[in-house]
Amino acid sequence: MNTEVSVLYFAKSAELTGLKAENITVPSNITSLQLWQDLENRHPRLSVLRDQVVLAVRQEYVPLGAQLLTLRQGDEVAIIPPLSGG
């Protein structure tokens, strides 16, 4: 079953996609890595962040990997790239 979620892009991910947010439809049961790969397919320039990015689903951090996410209609998925030090 598929569900529509809101993806929020921050910092470098917003620069790379040219978007601050978009709605996408993905399987409701998906691993965090599969979700990232789906986003990379939509926005190939995101691939430079793959080793450093963290996702936040319903405001909880999720590392990229085999962890299964259960997404619900209208969930927010935030793309949080590494923050530059300074």
N, C-alpha and C. Protein backbone atom coordinates (compact mmCIF):
# COMPACT_ATOMS: atom_id res chain seq x y z
N MET A 1 0.84 -1.18 0.00
CA MET A 1 0.00 0.00 0.00
C MET A 1 0.89 1.25 0.00
N ASN A 2 0.49 2.24 -0.77
CA ASN A 2 1.26 3.47 -0.85
C ASN A 2 0.63 4.56 0.00
N THR A 3 1.47 5.51 0.39
CA THR A 3 1.00 6.63 1.19
C THR A 3 1.72 7.90 0.75
N GLU A 4 1.06 9.04 0.92
CA GLU A 4 1.68 10.31 0.54
C GLU A 4 2.27 10.96 1.78
N VAL A 5 3.54 11.36 1.67
CA VAL A 5 4.23 12.02 2.78
C VAL A 5 4.79 13.35 2.29
N SER A 6 5.04 14.24 3.23
CA SER A 6 5.68 15.53 2.94
C SER A 6 7.16 15.40 3.24
N VAL A 7 7.99 15.73 2.26
CA VAL A 7 9.44 15.70 2.46
C VAL A 7 9.91 17.14 2.61
N LEU A 8 10.61 17.42 3.70
CA LEU A 8 11.14 18.75 3.97
C LEU A 8 12.65 18.71 3.77
N TYR A 9 13.16 19.64 3.00
CA TYR A 9 14.59 19.69 2.71
C TYR A 9 15.21 20.86 3.46
N PHE A 10 16.33 20.59 4.13
CA PHE A 10 17.02 21.63 4.89
C PHE A 10 18.44 21.80 4.38
N ALA A 11 18.96 23.01 4.54
CA ALA A 11 20.36 23.34 4.27
C ALA A 11 20.81 22.83 2.89
N LYS A 12 21.86 22.02 2.87
CA LYS A 12 22.46 21.57 1.60
C LYS A 12 21.46 20.77 0.76
N SER A 13 20.57 20.00 1.41
CA SER A 13 19.62 19.21 0.62
C SER A 13 18.64 20.13 -0.12
N ALA A 14 18.29 21.27 0.47
CA ALA A 14 17.43 22.23 -0.21
C ALA A 14 18.16 22.87 -1.39
N GLU A 15 19.45 23.15 -1.20
CA GLU A 15 20.26 23.70 -2.30
C GLU A 15 20.32 22.71 -3.46
N LEU A 16 20.55 21.45 -3.15
CA LEU A 16 20.74 20.44 -4.20
C LEU A 16 19.45 20.15 -4.96
N THR A 17 18.31 20.18 -4.27
CA THR A 17 17.05 19.86 -4.94
C THR A 17 16.37 21.10 -5.51
N GLY A 18 16.72 22.27 -4.98
CA GLY A 18 16.03 23.49 -5.37
C GLY A 18 14.64 23.58 -4.74
N LEU A 19 14.38 22.74 -3.73
CA LEU A 19 13.07 22.70 -3.09
C LEU A 19 13.22 22.83 -1.58
N LYS A 20 12.20 23.39 -0.95
CA LYS A 20 12.14 23.36 0.51
C LYS A 20 11.25 22.22 0.98
N ALA A 21 10.32 21.82 0.12
CA ALA A 21 9.39 20.74 0.49
C ALA A 21 8.72 20.20 -0.77
N GLU A 22 8.27 18.95 -0.68
CA GLU A 22 7.46 18.37 -1.75
C GLU A 22 6.69 17.20 -1.16
N ASN A 23 5.58 16.86 -1.81
CA ASN A 23 4.81 15.67 -1.42
C ASN A 23 5.17 14.56 -2.38
N ILE A 24 5.43 13.38 -1.83
CA ILE A 24 5.74 12.22 -2.66
C ILE A 24 4.89 11.03 -2.19
N THR A 25 4.71 10.07 -3.08
CA THR A 25 3.99 8.85 -2.73
C THR A 25 4.98 7.69 -2.73
N VAL A 26 5.04 7.01 -1.59
CA VAL A 26 5.97 5.89 -1.41
C VAL A 26 5.23 4.74 -0.72
N PRO A 27 5.81 3.54 -0.73
CA PRO A 27 5.19 2.44 0.01
C PRO A 27 5.09 2.81 1.50
N SER A 28 4.01 2.41 2.15
CA SER A 28 3.85 2.77 3.56
C SER A 28 4.82 1.99 4.45
N ASN A 29 5.27 0.82 4.01
CA ASN A 29 6.33 0.09 4.72
C ASN A 29 7.57 0.09 3.84
N ILE A 30 8.59 0.81 4.30
CA ILE A 30 9.79 1.03 3.50
C ILE A 30 10.96 1.21 4.46
N THR A 31 12.15 0.74 4.08
CA THR A 31 13.29 0.99 4.96
C THR A 31 13.77 2.43 4.75
N SER A 32 14.51 2.94 5.72
CA SER A 32 15.03 4.30 5.58
C SER A 32 15.96 4.40 4.37
N LEU A 33 16.72 3.33 4.09
CA LEU A 33 17.61 3.36 2.93
C LEU A 33 16.81 3.37 1.62
N GLN A 34 15.74 2.57 1.56
CA GLN A 34 14.90 2.57 0.35
C GLN A 34 14.26 3.94 0.13
N LEU A 35 13.84 4.57 1.21
CA LEU A 35 13.26 5.91 1.11
C LEU A 35 14.30 6.89 0.56
N TRP A 36 15.53 6.82 1.10
CA TRP A 36 16.60 7.69 0.62
C TRP A 36 16.87 7.43 -0.87
N GLN A 37 16.91 6.14 -1.26
CA GLN A 37 17.18 5.81 -2.67
C GLN A 37 16.08 6.36 -3.56
N ASP A 38 14.84 6.33 -3.09
CA ASP A 38 13.73 6.91 -3.86
C ASP A 38 13.96 8.41 -4.05
N LEU A 39 14.38 9.08 -2.99
CA LEU A 39 14.65 10.52 -3.08
C LEU A 39 15.82 10.80 -4.01
N GLU A 40 16.84 9.95 -3.95
CA GLU A 40 17.99 10.10 -4.86
C GLU A 40 17.57 9.91 -6.31
N ASN A 41 16.67 8.97 -6.57
CA ASN A 41 16.18 8.77 -7.93
C ASN A 41 15.46 10.02 -8.43
N ARG A 42 14.72 10.67 -7.56
CA ARG A 42 14.00 11.90 -7.93
C ARG A 42 14.96 13.08 -8.09
N HIS A 43 16.00 13.09 -7.26
CA HIS A 43 16.96 14.22 -7.21
C HIS A 43 18.37 13.64 -7.14
N PRO A 44 18.93 13.25 -8.29
CA PRO A 44 20.25 12.58 -8.30
C PRO A 44 21.35 13.36 -7.59
N ARG A 45 21.24 14.68 -7.53
CA ARG A 45 22.31 15.46 -6.88
C ARG A 45 22.39 15.19 -5.38
N LEU A 46 21.33 14.63 -4.80
CA LEU A 46 21.36 14.30 -3.37
C LEU A 46 22.39 13.23 -3.04
N SER A 47 22.84 12.48 -4.03
CA SER A 47 23.75 11.36 -3.76
C SER A 47 25.01 11.80 -3.02
N VAL A 48 25.43 13.04 -3.17
CA VAL A 48 26.64 13.50 -2.47
C VAL A 48 26.45 13.51 -0.95
N LEU A 49 25.22 13.51 -0.48
CA LEU A 49 24.94 13.55 0.96
C LEU A 49 24.78 12.16 1.57
N ARG A 50 24.73 11.13 0.75
CA ARG A 50 24.33 9.79 1.21
C ARG A 50 25.04 9.34 2.48
N ASP A 51 26.34 9.56 2.59
CA ASP A 51 27.08 9.02 3.74
C ASP A 51 26.96 9.87 4.99
N GLN A 52 26.29 11.02 4.88
CA GLN A 52 26.26 11.93 6.02
C GLN A 52 24.85 12.31 6.46
N VAL A 53 23.87 12.03 5.62
CA VAL A 53 22.53 12.54 5.86
C VAL A 53 21.81 11.74 6.95
N VAL A 54 20.90 12.42 7.63
CA VAL A 54 20.02 11.77 8.60
C VAL A 54 18.60 12.13 8.21
N LEU A 55 17.70 11.17 8.33
CA LEU A 55 16.28 11.45 8.09
C LEU A 55 15.60 11.63 9.44
N ALA A 56 14.56 12.43 9.45
CA ALA A 56 13.72 12.53 10.64
C ALA A 56 12.29 12.24 10.18
N VAL A 57 11.68 11.25 10.80
CA VAL A 57 10.31 10.87 10.47
C VAL A 57 9.47 11.17 11.71
N ARG A 58 8.43 11.96 11.53
CA ARG A 58 7.61 12.41 12.66
C ARG A 58 8.50 12.97 13.77
N GLN A 59 9.50 13.74 13.36
CA GLN A 59 10.43 14.44 14.25
C GLN A 59 11.30 13.52 15.09
N GLU A 60 11.51 12.29 14.62
CA GLU A 60 12.45 11.38 15.28
C GLU A 60 13.53 11.00 14.28
N TYR A 61 14.79 11.10 14.72
CA TYR A 61 15.91 10.79 13.83
C TYR A 61 15.94 9.31 13.47
N VAL A 62 16.25 9.05 12.20
CA VAL A 62 16.33 7.69 11.68
C VAL A 62 17.60 7.58 10.84
N PRO A 63 18.55 6.72 11.22
CA PRO A 63 19.74 6.54 10.38
C PRO A 63 19.37 5.79 9.10
N LEU A 64 20.16 6.00 8.05
CA LEU A 64 19.94 5.25 6.81
C LEU A 64 20.33 3.80 7.04
N GLY A 65 19.47 2.90 6.62
CA GLY A 65 19.79 1.49 6.78
C GLY A 65 18.55 0.64 6.61
N ALA A 66 18.58 -0.53 7.22
CA ALA A 66 17.53 -1.53 7.03
C ALA A 66 16.35 -1.34 7.98
N GLN A 67 16.39 -0.30 8.80
CA GLN A 67 15.28 -0.07 9.73
C GLN A 67 13.98 0.17 8.96
N LEU A 68 12.97 -0.62 9.28
CA LEU A 68 11.69 -0.50 8.58
C LEU A 68 10.88 0.65 9.16
N LEU A 69 10.42 1.52 8.27
CA LEU A 69 9.56 2.63 8.67
C LEU A 69 8.12 2.29 8.28
N THR A 70 7.20 2.68 9.12
CA THR A 70 5.79 2.56 8.77
C THR A 70 5.28 3.99 8.62
N LEU A 71 5.11 4.40 7.36
CA LEU A 71 4.69 5.77 7.07
C LEU A 71 3.18 5.85 6.99
N ARG A 72 2.65 6.94 7.51
CA ARG A 72 1.21 7.18 7.46
C ARG A 72 0.93 8.40 6.59
N GLN A 73 -0.25 8.43 6.04
CA GLN A 73 -0.67 9.56 5.19
C GLN A 73 -0.36 10.88 5.89
N GLY A 74 0.35 11.77 5.19
CA GLY A 74 0.62 13.10 5.73
C GLY A 74 1.83 13.19 6.65
N ASP A 75 2.54 12.07 6.88
CA ASP A 75 3.74 12.14 7.71
C ASP A 75 4.75 13.12 7.12
N GLU A 76 5.54 13.72 8.00
CA GLU A 76 6.64 14.57 7.57
C GLU A 76 7.94 13.80 7.64
N VAL A 77 8.70 13.88 6.55
CA VAL A 77 10.04 13.29 6.51
C VAL A 77 11.00 14.45 6.26
N ALA A 78 11.88 14.70 7.21
CA ALA A 78 12.85 15.79 7.04
C ALA A 78 14.19 15.21 6.61
N ILE A 79 14.82 15.89 5.66
CA ILE A 79 16.15 15.51 5.19
C ILE A 79 17.13 16.46 5.85
N ILE A 80 17.96 15.91 6.74
CA ILE A 80 18.85 16.75 7.53
C ILE A 80 20.29 16.42 7.16
N PRO A 81 20.89 17.29 6.34
CA PRO A 81 22.28 17.06 5.95
C PRO A 81 23.21 17.45 7.10
N PRO A 82 24.49 17.11 6.98
CA PRO A 82 25.43 17.50 8.04
C PRO A 82 25.47 19.02 8.14
N LEU A 83 25.57 19.50 9.35
CA LEU A 83 25.66 20.94 9.55
C LEU A 83 27.12 21.32 9.50
N SER A 84 27.43 22.43 8.82
CA SER A 84 28.82 22.82 8.73
C SER A 84 29.22 23.45 10.07
N GLY A 85 30.44 23.13 10.48
CA GLY A 85 30.94 23.73 11.71
C GLY A 85 31.36 25.17 11.43
N GLY A 86 31.61 25.94 12.48
CA GLY A 86 32.02 27.28 12.19
C GLY A 86 32.30 28.09 13.40
